C-alpha atoms as a PDB file:
ATOM      1  CA  UNK A   1      13.470  34.493  14.308  1.00  0.00           C
ATOM      2  CA  UNK A   2      13.601  30.908  13.027  1.00  0.00           C
ATOM      3  CA  UNK A   3      11.166  29.565  10.503  1.00  0.00           C
ATOM      4  CA  UNK A   4       8.723  28.043  12.906  1.00  0.00           C
ATOM      5  CA  UNK A   5       5.231  27.096  11.878  1.00  0.00           C
ATOM      6  CA  UNK A   6       2.790  27.040  14.733  1.00  0.00           C
ATOM      7  CA  UNK A   7       0.423  24.070  14.632  1.00  0.00           C
ATOM      8  CA  UNK A   8      -2.584  24.250  16.841  1.00  0.00           C
ATOM      9  CA  UNK A   9      -3.378  21.323  19.093  1.00  0.00           C
ATOM     10  CA  UNK A  10      -6.492  20.469  17.077  1.00  0.00           C
ATOM     11  CA  UNK A  11      -4.541  20.275  13.813  1.00  0.00           C
ATOM     12  CA  UNK A  12      -2.013  17.869  15.261  1.00  0.00           C
ATOM     13  CA  UNK A  13      -4.708  15.541  16.610  1.00  0.00           C
ATOM     14  CA  UNK A  14      -6.700  15.653  13.350  1.00  0.00           C
ATOM     15  CA  UNK A  15      -3.586  14.866  11.340  1.00  0.00           C
ATOM     16  CA  UNK A  16      -2.632  12.031  13.642  1.00  0.00           C
ATOM     17  CA  UNK A  17      -6.094  10.486  13.362  1.00  0.00           C
ATOM     18  CA  UNK A  18      -6.089  10.801   9.585  1.00  0.00           C
ATOM     19  CA  UNK A  19      -2.685   9.158   9.303  1.00  0.00           C
ATOM     20  CA  UNK A  20      -3.516   6.291  11.651  1.00  0.00           C
ATOM     21  CA  UNK A  21      -6.752   5.360   9.861  1.00  0.00           C
ATOM     22  CA  UNK A  22      -5.134   5.638   6.436  1.00  0.00           C
ATOM     23  CA  UNK A  23      -2.227   3.474   7.535  1.00  0.00           C
ATOM     24  CA  UNK A  24      -4.493   0.663   8.729  1.00  0.00           C
ATOM     25  CA  UNK A  25      -6.067   0.434   5.284  1.00  0.00           C
ATOM     26  CA  UNK A  26      -2.679  -0.458   3.806  1.00  0.00           C
ATOM     27  CA  UNK A  27      -2.029  -3.336   6.243  1.00  0.00           C
ATOM     28  CA  UNK A  28      -3.344  -6.744   5.101  1.00  0.00           C
ATOM     29  CA  UNK A  29      -6.053  -8.270   7.303  1.00  0.00           C
ATOM     30  CA  UNK A  30      -3.855 -11.291   8.042  1.00  0.00           C
ATOM     31  CA  UNK A  31      -1.342  -8.963   9.727  1.00  0.00           C
ATOM     32  CA  UNK A  32      -3.990  -7.190  11.785  1.00  0.00           C
ATOM     33  CA  UNK A  33      -5.374 -10.398  13.271  1.00  0.00           C
ATOM     34  CA  UNK A  34      -4.091 -11.529  16.635  1.00  0.00           C
ATOM     35  CA  UNK A  35      -0.855 -13.459  16.269  1.00  0.00           C
ATOM     36  CA  UNK A  36      -0.877 -13.006  12.480  1.00  0.00           C
ATOM     37  CA  UNK A  37      -0.382 -16.734  11.881  1.00  0.00           C
ATOM     38  CA  UNK A  38      -3.868 -17.272  10.515  1.00  0.00           C
ATOM     39  CA  UNK A  39      -3.799 -19.512   7.419  1.00  0.00           C
ATOM     40  CA  UNK A  40      -0.107 -20.333   7.936  1.00  0.00           C
ATOM     41  CA  UNK A  41       1.634 -23.685   8.454  1.00  0.00           C
ATOM     42  CA  UNK A  42       4.290 -24.194  11.148  1.00  0.00           C
ATOM     43  CA  UNK A  43       7.642 -25.677  10.178  1.00  0.00           C
ATOM     44  CA  UNK A  44       9.628 -26.954  13.149  1.00  0.00           C
ATOM     45  CA  UNK A  45      13.368 -26.554  12.740  1.00  0.00           C
ATOM     46  CA  UNK A  46      16.383 -27.238  14.951  1.00  0.00           C
ATOM     47  CA  UNK A  47      14.641 -30.007  16.940  1.00  0.00           C
ATOM     48  CA  UNK A  48      11.654 -27.782  17.698  1.00  0.00           C
ATOM     49  CA  UNK A  49      13.648 -24.811  19.006  1.00  0.00           C
ATOM     50  CA  UNK A  50      12.818 -22.727  15.922  1.00  0.00           C
ATOM     51  CA  UNK A  51       9.371 -22.386  14.376  1.00  0.00           C
ATOM     52  CA  UNK A  52       8.813 -20.747  11.006  1.00  0.00           C
ATOM     53  CA  UNK A  53       5.307 -20.076   9.752  1.00  0.00           C
ATOM     54  CA  UNK A  54       4.820 -20.304   5.987  1.00  0.00           C
ATOM     55  CA  UNK A  55       1.769 -19.653   3.855  1.00  0.00           C
ATOM     56  CA  UNK A  56       2.591 -22.228   1.161  1.00  0.00           C
ATOM     57  CA  UNK A  57       2.878 -25.793   2.496  1.00  0.00           C
ATOM     58  CA  UNK A  58       4.708 -26.898  -0.668  1.00  0.00           C
ATOM     59  CA  UNK A  59       7.703 -24.696   0.285  1.00  0.00           C
ATOM     60  CA  UNK A  60       8.406 -26.627   3.504  1.00  0.00           C
ATOM     61  CA  UNK A  61      11.257 -28.655   1.985  1.00  0.00           C
ATOM     62  CA  UNK A  62      12.861 -25.503   0.566  1.00  0.00           C
ATOM     63  CA  UNK A  63      12.671 -23.748   3.954  1.00  0.00           C
ATOM     64  CA  UNK A  64      14.251 -26.735   5.708  1.00  0.00           C
ATOM     65  CA  UNK A  65      17.073 -26.847   3.152  1.00  0.00           C
ATOM     66  CA  UNK A  66      17.742 -23.113   3.419  1.00  0.00           C
ATOM     67  CA  UNK A  67      17.821 -23.295   7.196  1.00  0.00           C
ATOM     68  CA  UNK A  68      20.234 -26.240   7.116  1.00  0.00           C
ATOM     69  CA  UNK A  69      22.532 -24.445   4.687  1.00  0.00           C
ATOM     70  CA  UNK A  70      22.459 -21.260   6.769  1.00  0.00           C
ATOM     71  CA  UNK A  71      23.220 -23.158   9.995  1.00  0.00           C
ATOM     72  CA  UNK A  72      25.970 -25.182   8.301  1.00  0.00           C
ATOM     73  CA  UNK A  73      24.501 -28.551   9.276  1.00  0.00           C
END
């Protein structure tokens, strides 16, 4: 017979609950909030068709330059 380890239904549920609560501790609170754009600044690119949210307002010029270079404008 194959090497099969039988896991009871209770063990699987307990493990799943332990993993899900542990995983949420590792996620930053800004990612858990609805929309995850809290404390971020919008940068409108491509005449408003593309919106990039950045956390550091001073990087806006760099983001615009990178986007322009990537698009070949």
